[in-house]
């Protein structure tokens, strides 16, 4: 459990962590999920075509014919990884 001193220090540090303030900083931070790949389920960047990806995903689903919701999610995940 945190001490009162640690809690106070955390609260003071939080005042300095307010995120990007400039427009360029905000634009840059919007792309963090794509750049890091930490929160992106399926990344379709500007160089890729969303319609092509959907067609590819349909082909993968057709190949594996998922029968349950879990299988369907796993097949979609496989498509995104490929």
PDB file of N, CA and C in Angstrom:
ATOM      1  N   UNK A   1       0.838  -1.181   0.000  1.00  0.00           N
ATOM      2  CA  UNK A   1       0.000   0.000   0.000  1.00  0.00           C
ATOM      3  C   UNK A   1       0.887   1.250   0.000  1.00  0.00           C
ATOM      4  N   UNK A   2       0.457   2.239  -0.733  1.00  0.00           N
ATOM      5  CA  UNK A   2       1.244   3.467  -0.857  1.00  0.00           C
ATOM      6  C   UNK A   2       1.143   4.310   0.409  1.00  0.00           C
ATOM      7  N   UNK A   3       2.246   4.962   0.724  1.00  0.00           N
ATOM      8  CA  UNK A   3       2.257   5.861   1.875  1.00  0.00           C
ATOM      9  C   UNK A   3       1.677   7.213   1.473  1.00  0.00           C
ATOM     10  N   UNK A   4       1.370   8.022   2.453  1.00  0.00           N
ATOM     11  CA  UNK A   4       0.848   9.370   2.174  1.00  0.00           C
ATOM     12  C   UNK A   4       1.854  10.170   1.345  1.00  0.00           C
ATOM     13  N   UNK A   5       3.133  10.001   1.639  1.00  0.00           N
ATOM     14  CA  UNK A   5       4.184  10.725   0.913  1.00  0.00           C
ATOM     15  C   UNK A   5       4.205  10.292  -0.560  1.00  0.00           C
ATOM     16  N   UNK A   6       4.033   8.989  -0.821  1.00  0.00           N
ATOM     17  CA  UNK A   6       4.016   8.493  -2.198  1.00  0.00           C
ATOM     18  C   UNK A   6       2.781   8.985  -2.944  1.00  0.00           C
ATOM     19  N   UNK A   7       1.664   8.980  -2.267  1.00  0.00           N
ATOM     20  CA  UNK A   7       0.421   9.459  -2.890  1.00  0.00           C
ATOM     21  C   UNK A   7       0.551  10.926  -3.272  1.00  0.00           C
ATOM     22  N   UNK A   8       1.089  11.739  -2.377  1.00  0.00           N
ATOM     23  CA  UNK A   8       1.290  13.161  -2.654  1.00  0.00           C
ATOM     24  C   UNK A   8       2.246  13.350  -3.833  1.00  0.00           C
ATOM     25  N   UNK A   9       3.327  12.587  -3.865  1.00  0.00           N
ATOM     26  CA  UNK A   9       4.289  12.685  -4.968  1.00  0.00           C
ATOM     27  C   UNK A   9       3.629  12.283  -6.287  1.00  0.00           C
ATOM     28  N   UNK A  10       2.815  11.231  -6.270  1.00  0.00           N
ATOM     29  CA  UNK A  10       2.115  10.799  -7.489  1.00  0.00           C
ATOM     30  C   UNK A  10       1.155  11.880  -7.977  1.00  0.00           C
ATOM     31  N   UNK A  11       0.434  12.503  -7.059  1.00  0.00           N
ATOM     32  CA  UNK A  11      -0.507  13.559  -7.439  1.00  0.00           C
ATOM     33  C   UNK A  11       0.221  14.758  -8.033  1.00  0.00           C
ATOM     34  N   UNK A  12       1.366  15.110  -7.454  1.00  0.00           N
ATOM     35  CA  UNK A  12       2.139  16.231  -7.983  1.00  0.00           C
ATOM     36  C   UNK A  12       2.717  15.905  -9.358  1.00  0.00           C
ATOM     37  N   UNK A  13       3.200  14.683  -9.534  1.00  0.00           N
ATOM     38  CA  UNK A  13       3.737  14.276 -10.839  1.00  0.00           C
ATOM     39  C   UNK A  13       2.648  14.252 -11.905  1.00  0.00           C
ATOM     40  N   UNK A  14       1.439  13.858 -11.517  1.00  0.00           N
ATOM     41  CA  UNK A  14       0.329  13.789 -12.465  1.00  0.00           C
ATOM     42  C   UNK A  14       0.000  15.165 -13.039  1.00  0.00           C
ATOM     43  N   UNK A  15       0.242  16.213 -12.288  1.00  0.00           N
ATOM     44  CA  UNK A  15      -0.019  17.569 -12.767  1.00  0.00           C
ATOM     45  C   UNK A  15       0.888  17.941 -13.940  1.00  0.00           C
ATOM     46  N   UNK A  16       2.032  17.280 -14.060  1.00  0.00           N
ATOM     47  CA  UNK A  16       2.972  17.546 -15.150  1.00  0.00           C
ATOM     48  C   UNK A  16       2.709  16.658 -16.364  1.00  0.00           C
ATOM     49  N   UNK A  17       1.900  15.634 -16.217  1.00  0.00           N
ATOM     50  CA  UNK A  17       1.634  14.672 -17.286  1.00  0.00           C
ATOM     51  C   UNK A  17       0.262  14.932 -17.881  1.00  0.00           C
ATOM     52  N   UNK A  18       0.151  15.959 -18.677  1.00  0.00           N
ATOM     53  CA  UNK A  18      -1.153  16.344 -19.222  1.00  0.00           C
ATOM     54  C   UNK A  18      -1.308  15.980 -20.690  1.00  0.00           C
ATOM     55  N   UNK A  19      -0.341  15.297 -21.257  1.00  0.00           N
ATOM     56  CA  UNK A  19      -0.440  14.900 -22.650  1.00  0.00           C
ATOM     57  C   UNK A  19      -0.001  15.999 -23.593  1.00  0.00           C
ATOM     58  N   UNK A  20      -0.115  15.730 -24.891  1.00  0.00           N
ATOM     59  CA  UNK A  20       0.329  16.728 -25.875  1.00  0.00           C
ATOM     60  C   UNK A  20      -0.581  17.952 -25.861  1.00  0.00           C
ATOM     61  N   UNK A  21       0.033  19.111 -26.052  1.00  0.00           N
ATOM     62  CA  UNK A  21      -0.733  20.367 -26.040  1.00  0.00           C
ATOM     63  C   UNK A  21      -0.781  21.042 -27.404  1.00  0.00           C
ATOM     64  N   UNK A  22       0.268  20.844 -28.199  1.00  0.00           N
ATOM     65  CA  UNK A  22       0.291  21.487 -29.516  1.00  0.00           C
ATOM     66  C   UNK A  22      -0.402  20.592 -30.536  1.00  0.00           C
ATOM     67  N   UNK A  23      -0.831  21.204 -31.633  1.00  0.00           N
ATOM     68  CA  UNK A  23      -1.486  20.425 -32.689  1.00  0.00           C
ATOM     69  C   UNK A  23      -0.548  19.371 -33.263  1.00  0.00           C
ATOM     70  N   UNK A  24       0.723  19.712 -33.461  1.00  0.00           N
ATOM     71  CA  UNK A  24       1.654  18.715 -34.011  1.00  0.00           C
ATOM     72  C   UNK A  24       1.854  17.568 -33.025  1.00  0.00           C
ATOM     73  N   UNK A  25       1.904  17.880 -31.728  1.00  0.00           N
ATOM     74  CA  UNK A  25       2.030  16.830 -30.720  1.00  0.00           C
ATOM     75  C   UNK A  25       0.811  15.925 -30.685  1.00  0.00           C
ATOM     76  N   UNK A  26      -0.363  16.505 -30.839  1.00  0.00           N
ATOM     77  CA  UNK A  26      -1.601  15.724 -30.850  1.00  0.00           C
ATOM     78  C   UNK A  26      -1.664  14.826 -32.080  1.00  0.00           C
ATOM     79  N   UNK A  27      -1.262  15.370 -33.246  1.00  0.00           N
ATOM     80  CA  UNK A  27      -1.241  14.555 -34.463  1.00  0.00           C
ATOM     81  C   UNK A  27      -0.276  13.386 -34.313  1.00  0.00           C
ATOM     82  N   UNK A  28       0.882  13.657 -33.741  1.00  0.00           N
ATOM     83  CA  UNK A  28       1.900  12.618 -33.559  1.00  0.00           C
ATOM     84  C   UNK A  28       1.401  11.533 -32.603  1.00  0.00           C
ATOM     85  N   UNK A  29       0.738  11.932 -31.529  1.00  0.00           N
ATOM     86  CA  UNK A  29       0.294  10.953 -30.536  1.00  0.00           C
ATOM     87  C   UNK A  29      -0.868  10.099 -31.049  1.00  0.00           C
ATOM     88  N   UNK A  30      -1.639  10.619 -32.005  1.00  0.00           N
ATOM     89  CA  UNK A  30      -2.736   9.828 -32.575  1.00  0.00           C
ATOM     90  C   UNK A  30      -2.232   8.572 -33.258  1.00  0.00           C
ATOM     91  N   UNK A  31      -1.015   8.610 -33.738  1.00  0.00           N
ATOM     92  CA  UNK A  31      -0.463   7.474 -34.482  1.00  0.00           C
ATOM     93  C   UNK A  31       0.288   6.494 -33.589  1.00  0.00           C
ATOM     94  N   UNK A  32       0.281   6.694 -32.279  1.00  0.00           N
ATOM     95  CA  UNK A  32       1.014   5.806 -31.379  1.00  0.00           C
ATOM     96  C   UNK A  32       0.553   4.360 -31.495  1.00  0.00           C
ATOM     97  N   UNK A  33      -0.747   4.143 -31.588  1.00  0.00           N
ATOM     98  CA  UNK A  33      -1.248   2.770 -31.673  1.00  0.00           C
ATOM     99  C   UNK A  33      -0.750   2.081 -32.935  1.00  0.00           C
ATOM    100  N   UNK A  34      -0.674   2.814 -34.023  1.00  0.00           N
ATOM    101  CA  UNK A  34      -0.184   2.228 -35.272  1.00  0.00           C
ATOM    102  C   UNK A  34       1.310   2.002 -35.183  1.00  0.00           C
ATOM    103  N   UNK A  35       2.022   2.989 -34.684  1.00  0.00           N
ATOM    104  CA  UNK A  35       3.473   2.886 -34.622  1.00  0.00           C
ATOM    105  C   UNK A  35       3.903   1.781 -33.670  1.00  0.00           C
ATOM    106  N   UNK A  36       3.249   1.698 -32.515  1.00  0.00           N
ATOM    107  CA  UNK A  36       3.642   0.718 -31.521  1.00  0.00           C
ATOM    108  C   UNK A  36       2.922  -0.611 -31.683  1.00  0.00           C
ATOM    109  N   UNK A  37       1.757  -0.592 -32.303  1.00  0.00           N
ATOM    110  CA  UNK A  37       0.999  -1.817 -32.477  1.00  0.00           C
ATOM    111  C   UNK A  37       0.467  -2.397 -31.182  1.00  0.00           C
ATOM    112  N   UNK A  38       0.382  -1.597 -30.134  1.00  0.00           N
ATOM    113  CA  UNK A  38      -0.036  -2.121 -28.843  1.00  0.00           C
ATOM    114  C   UNK A  38      -1.548  -2.233 -28.718  1.00  0.00           C
ATOM    115  N   UNK A  39      -2.267  -1.293 -29.297  1.00  0.00           N
ATOM    116  CA  UNK A  39      -3.707  -1.307 -29.114  1.00  0.00           C
ATOM    117  C   UNK A  39      -4.461  -1.533 -30.408  1.00  0.00           C
ATOM    118  N   UNK A  40      -3.782  -1.638 -31.495  1.00  0.00           N
ATOM    119  CA  UNK A  40      -4.436  -1.800 -32.774  1.00  0.00           C
ATOM    120  C   UNK A  40      -4.813  -3.260 -32.999  1.00  0.00           C
ATOM    121  N   UNK A  41      -6.071  -3.517 -33.275  1.00  0.00           N
ATOM    122  CA  UNK A  41      -6.495  -4.872 -33.616  1.00  0.00           C
ATOM    123  C   UNK A  41      -6.029  -5.196 -35.025  1.00  0.00           C
ATOM    124  N   UNK A  42      -6.474  -4.414 -35.967  1.00  0.00           N
ATOM    125  CA  UNK A  42      -6.076  -4.581 -37.354  1.00  0.00           C
ATOM    126  C   UNK A  42      -5.605  -3.230 -37.848  1.00  0.00           C
ATOM    127  N   UNK A  43      -4.379  -3.176 -38.277  1.00  0.00           N
ATOM    128  CA  UNK A  43      -3.812  -1.915 -38.716  1.00  0.00           C
ATOM    129  C   UNK A  43      -3.887  -1.849 -40.229  1.00  0.00           C
ATOM    130  N   UNK A  44      -4.606  -0.868 -40.721  1.00  0.00           N
ATOM    131  CA  UNK A  44      -4.641  -0.600 -42.151  1.00  0.00           C
ATOM    132  C   UNK A  44      -4.089   0.802 -42.311  1.00  0.00           C
ATOM    133  N   UNK A  45      -2.854   0.884 -42.703  1.00  0.00           N
ATOM    134  CA  UNK A  45      -2.227   2.190 -42.844  1.00  0.00           C
ATOM    135  C   UNK A  45      -2.581   2.795 -44.186  1.00  0.00           C
ATOM    136  N   UNK A  46      -2.145   4.001 -44.397  1.00  0.00           N
ATOM    137  CA  UNK A  46      -2.529   4.720 -45.613  1.00  0.00           C
ATOM    138  C   UNK A  46      -2.038   4.037 -46.887  1.00  0.00           C
ATOM    139  N   UNK A  47      -1.026   3.197 -46.785  1.00  0.00           N
ATOM    140  CA  UNK A  47      -0.508   2.512 -47.973  1.00  0.00           C
ATOM    141  C   UNK A  47      -1.288   1.251 -48.312  1.00  0.00           C
ATOM    142  N   UNK A  48      -2.192   0.845 -47.422  1.00  0.00           N
ATOM    143  CA  UNK A  48      -2.975  -0.351 -47.655  1.00  0.00           C
ATOM    144  C   UNK A  48      -4.390   0.028 -48.085  1.00  0.00           C
ATOM    145  N   UNK A  49      -5.058  -0.933 -48.685  1.00  0.00           N
ATOM    146  CA  UNK A  49      -6.399  -0.701 -49.191  1.00  0.00           C
ATOM    147  C   UNK A  49      -7.389  -1.466 -48.323  1.00  0.00           C
ATOM    148  N   UNK A  50      -8.339  -0.764 -47.714  1.00  0.00           N
ATOM    149  CA  UNK A  50      -9.303  -1.397 -46.810  1.00  0.00           C
ATOM    150  C   UNK A  50     -10.155  -2.436 -47.529  1.00  0.00           C
ATOM    151  N   UNK A  51     -10.546  -2.167 -48.769  1.00  0.00           N
ATOM    152  CA  UNK A  51     -11.359  -3.126 -49.527  1.00  0.00           C
ATOM    153  C   UNK A  51     -10.568  -4.404 -49.793  1.00  0.00           C
ATOM    154  N   UNK A  52      -9.281  -4.271 -50.113  1.00  0.00           N
ATOM    155  CA  UNK A  52      -8.443  -5.451 -50.318  1.00  0.00           C
ATOM    156  C   UNK A  52      -8.322  -6.264 -49.041  1.00  0.00           C
ATOM    157  N   UNK A  53      -8.194  -5.574 -47.922  1.00  0.00           N
ATOM    158  CA  UNK A  53      -8.089  -6.286 -46.649  1.00  0.00           C
ATOM    159  C   UNK A  53      -9.379  -7.049 -46.352  1.00  0.00           C
ATOM    160  N   UNK A  54     -10.529  -6.405 -46.552  1.00  0.00           N
ATOM    161  CA  UNK A  54     -11.803  -7.085 -46.300  1.00  0.00           C
ATOM    162  C   UNK A  54     -11.956  -8.311 -47.194  1.00  0.00           C
ATOM    163  N   UNK A  55     -11.536  -8.211 -48.445  1.00  0.00           N
ATOM    164  CA  UNK A  55     -11.599  -9.365 -49.357  1.00  0.00           C
ATOM    165  C   UNK A  55     -10.677 -10.482 -48.862  1.00  0.00           C
ATOM    166  N   UNK A  56      -9.496 -10.111 -48.410  1.00  0.00           N
ATOM    167  CA  UNK A  56      -8.561 -11.095 -47.864  1.00  0.00           C
ATOM    168  C   UNK A  56      -9.157 -11.769 -46.629  1.00  0.00           C
ATOM    169  N   UNK A  57      -9.768 -10.968 -45.750  1.00  0.00           N
ATOM    170  CA  UNK A  57     -10.371 -11.521 -44.541  1.00  0.00           C
ATOM    171  C   UNK A  57     -11.505 -12.487 -44.895  1.00  0.00           C
ATOM    172  N   UNK A  58     -12.318 -12.136 -45.879  1.00  0.00           N
ATOM    173  CA  UNK A  58     -13.395 -13.042 -46.315  1.00  0.00           C
ATOM    174  C   UNK A  58     -12.826 -14.349 -46.848  1.00  0.00           C
ATOM    175  N   UNK A  59     -11.734 -14.268 -47.591  1.00  0.00           N
ATOM    176  CA  UNK A  59     -11.112 -15.479 -48.134  1.00  0.00           C
ATOM    177  C   UNK A  59     -10.592 -16.377 -47.016  1.00  0.00           C
ATOM    178  N   UNK A  60      -9.972 -15.780 -46.011  1.00  0.00           N
ATOM    179  CA  UNK A  60      -9.470 -16.562 -44.875  1.00  0.00           C
ATOM    180  C   UNK A  60     -10.637 -17.212 -44.139  1.00  0.00           C
ATOM    181  N   UNK A  61     -11.719 -16.459 -43.912  1.00  0.00           N
ATOM    182  CA  UNK A  61     -12.894 -17.022 -43.242  1.00  0.00           C
ATOM    183  C   UNK A  61     -13.473 -18.175 -44.054  1.00  0.00           C
ATOM    184  N   UNK A  62     -13.493 -18.031 -45.365  1.00  0.00           N
ATOM    185  CA  UNK A  62     -14.011 -19.085 -46.236  1.00  0.00           C
ATOM    186  C   UNK A  62     -13.144 -20.345 -46.137  1.00  0.00           C
ATOM    187  N   UNK A  63     -11.834 -20.150 -46.080  1.00  0.00           N
ATOM    188  CA  UNK A  63     -10.923 -21.294 -45.980  1.00  0.00           C
ATOM    189  C   UNK A  63     -11.106 -22.070 -44.684  1.00  0.00           C
ATOM    190  N   UNK A  64     -11.318 -21.371 -43.589  1.00  0.00           N
ATOM    191  CA  UNK A  64     -11.372 -22.017 -42.277  1.00  0.00           C
ATOM    192  C   UNK A  64     -12.791 -22.329 -41.800  1.00  0.00           C
ATOM    193  N   UNK A  65     -13.796 -21.721 -42.392  1.00  0.00           N
ATOM    194  CA  UNK A  65     -15.203 -21.953 -42.032  1.00  0.00           C
ATOM    195  C   UNK A  65     -15.436 -22.030 -40.524  1.00  0.00           C
ATOM    196  N   UNK A  66     -15.242 -20.940 -39.809  1.00  0.00           N
ATOM    197  CA  UNK A  66     -15.438 -20.981 -38.361  1.00  0.00           C
ATOM    198  C   UNK A  66     -16.893 -21.316 -38.011  1.00  0.00           C
ATOM    199  N   UNK A  67     -17.065 -22.149 -36.993  1.00  0.00           N
ATOM    200  CA  UNK A  67     -18.403 -22.591 -36.597  1.00  0.00           C
ATOM    201  C   UNK A  67     -18.912 -21.898 -35.333  1.00  0.00           C
ATOM    202  N   UNK A  68     -18.013 -21.420 -34.511  1.00  0.00           N
ATOM    203  CA  UNK A  68     -18.420 -20.778 -33.257  1.00  0.00           C
ATOM    204  C   UNK A  68     -17.899 -19.341 -33.237  1.00  0.00           C
ATOM    205  N   UNK A  69     -18.375 -18.583 -32.258  1.00  0.00           N
ATOM    206  CA  UNK A  69     -17.930 -17.191 -32.123  1.00  0.00           C
ATOM    207  C   UNK A  69     -16.435 -17.131 -31.835  1.00  0.00           C
ATOM    208  N   UNK A  70     -15.938 -18.046 -31.015  1.00  0.00           N
ATOM    209  CA  UNK A  70     -14.507 -18.071 -30.693  1.00  0.00           C
ATOM    210  C   UNK A  70     -13.688 -18.393 -31.944  1.00  0.00           C
ATOM    211  N   UNK A  71     -14.132 -19.383 -32.697  1.00  0.00           N
ATOM    212  CA  UNK A  71     -13.423 -19.720 -33.935  1.00  0.00           C
ATOM    213  C   UNK A  71     -13.415 -18.541 -34.893  1.00  0.00           C
ATOM    214  N   UNK A  72     -14.533 -17.845 -34.976  1.00  0.00           N
ATOM    215  CA  UNK A  72     -14.626 -16.679 -35.856  1.00  0.00           C
ATOM    216  C   UNK A  72     -13.630 -15.599 -35.436  1.00  0.00           C
ATOM    217  N   UNK A  73     -13.536 -15.339 -34.133  1.00  0.00           N
ATOM    218  CA  UNK A  73     -12.588 -14.342 -33.634  1.00  0.00           C
ATOM    219  C   UNK A  73     -11.151 -14.762 -33.905  1.00  0.00           C
ATOM    220  N   UNK A  74     -10.871 -16.042 -33.737  1.00  0.00           N
ATOM    221  CA  UNK A  74      -9.512 -16.533 -33.988  1.00  0.00           C
ATOM    222  C   UNK A  74      -9.144 -16.428 -35.465  1.00  0.00           C
ATOM    223  N   UNK A  75     -10.093 -16.702 -36.335  1.00  0.00           N
ATOM    224  CA  UNK A  75      -9.843 -16.601 -37.778  1.00  0.00           C
ATOM    225  C   UNK A  75      -9.622 -15.126 -38.158  1.00  0.00           C
ATOM    226  N   UNK A  76     -10.400 -14.226 -37.583  1.00  0.00           N
ATOM    227  CA  UNK A  76     -10.209 -12.787 -37.852  1.00  0.00           C
ATOM    228  C   UNK A  76      -8.830 -12.341 -37.356  1.00  0.00           C
ATOM    229  N   UNK A  77      -8.443 -12.845 -36.212  1.00  0.00           N
ATOM    230  CA  UNK A  77      -7.121 -12.511 -35.664  1.00  0.00           C
ATOM    231  C   UNK A  77      -6.028 -13.051 -36.581  1.00  0.00           C
ATOM    232  N   UNK A  78      -6.221 -14.254 -37.081  1.00  0.00           N
ATOM    233  CA  UNK A  78      -5.245 -14.829 -38.006  1.00  0.00           C
ATOM    234  C   UNK A  78      -5.106 -13.942 -39.246  1.00  0.00           C
ATOM    235  N   UNK A  79      -6.227 -13.509 -39.781  1.00  0.00           N
ATOM    236  CA  UNK A  79      -6.185 -12.630 -40.966  1.00  0.00           C
ATOM    237  C   UNK A  79      -5.427 -11.350 -40.656  1.00  0.00           C
ATOM    238  N   UNK A  80      -5.661 -10.777 -39.482  1.00  0.00           N
ATOM    239  CA  UNK A  80      -4.979  -9.520 -39.148  1.00  0.00           C
ATOM    240  C   UNK A  80      -3.479  -9.730 -38.973  1.00  0.00           C
ATOM    241  N   UNK A  81      -3.094 -10.910 -38.489  1.00  0.00           N
ATOM    242  CA  UNK A  81      -1.669 -11.196 -38.325  1.00  0.00           C
ATOM    243  C   UNK A  81      -0.975 -11.461 -39.655  1.00  0.00           C
ATOM    244  N   UNK A  82      -1.728 -12.044 -40.582  1.00  0.00           N
ATOM    245  CA  UNK A  82      -1.153 -12.322 -41.904  1.00  0.00           C
ATOM    246  C   UNK A  82      -1.048 -11.058 -42.724  1.00  0.00           C
TER     247      UNK A  82
END
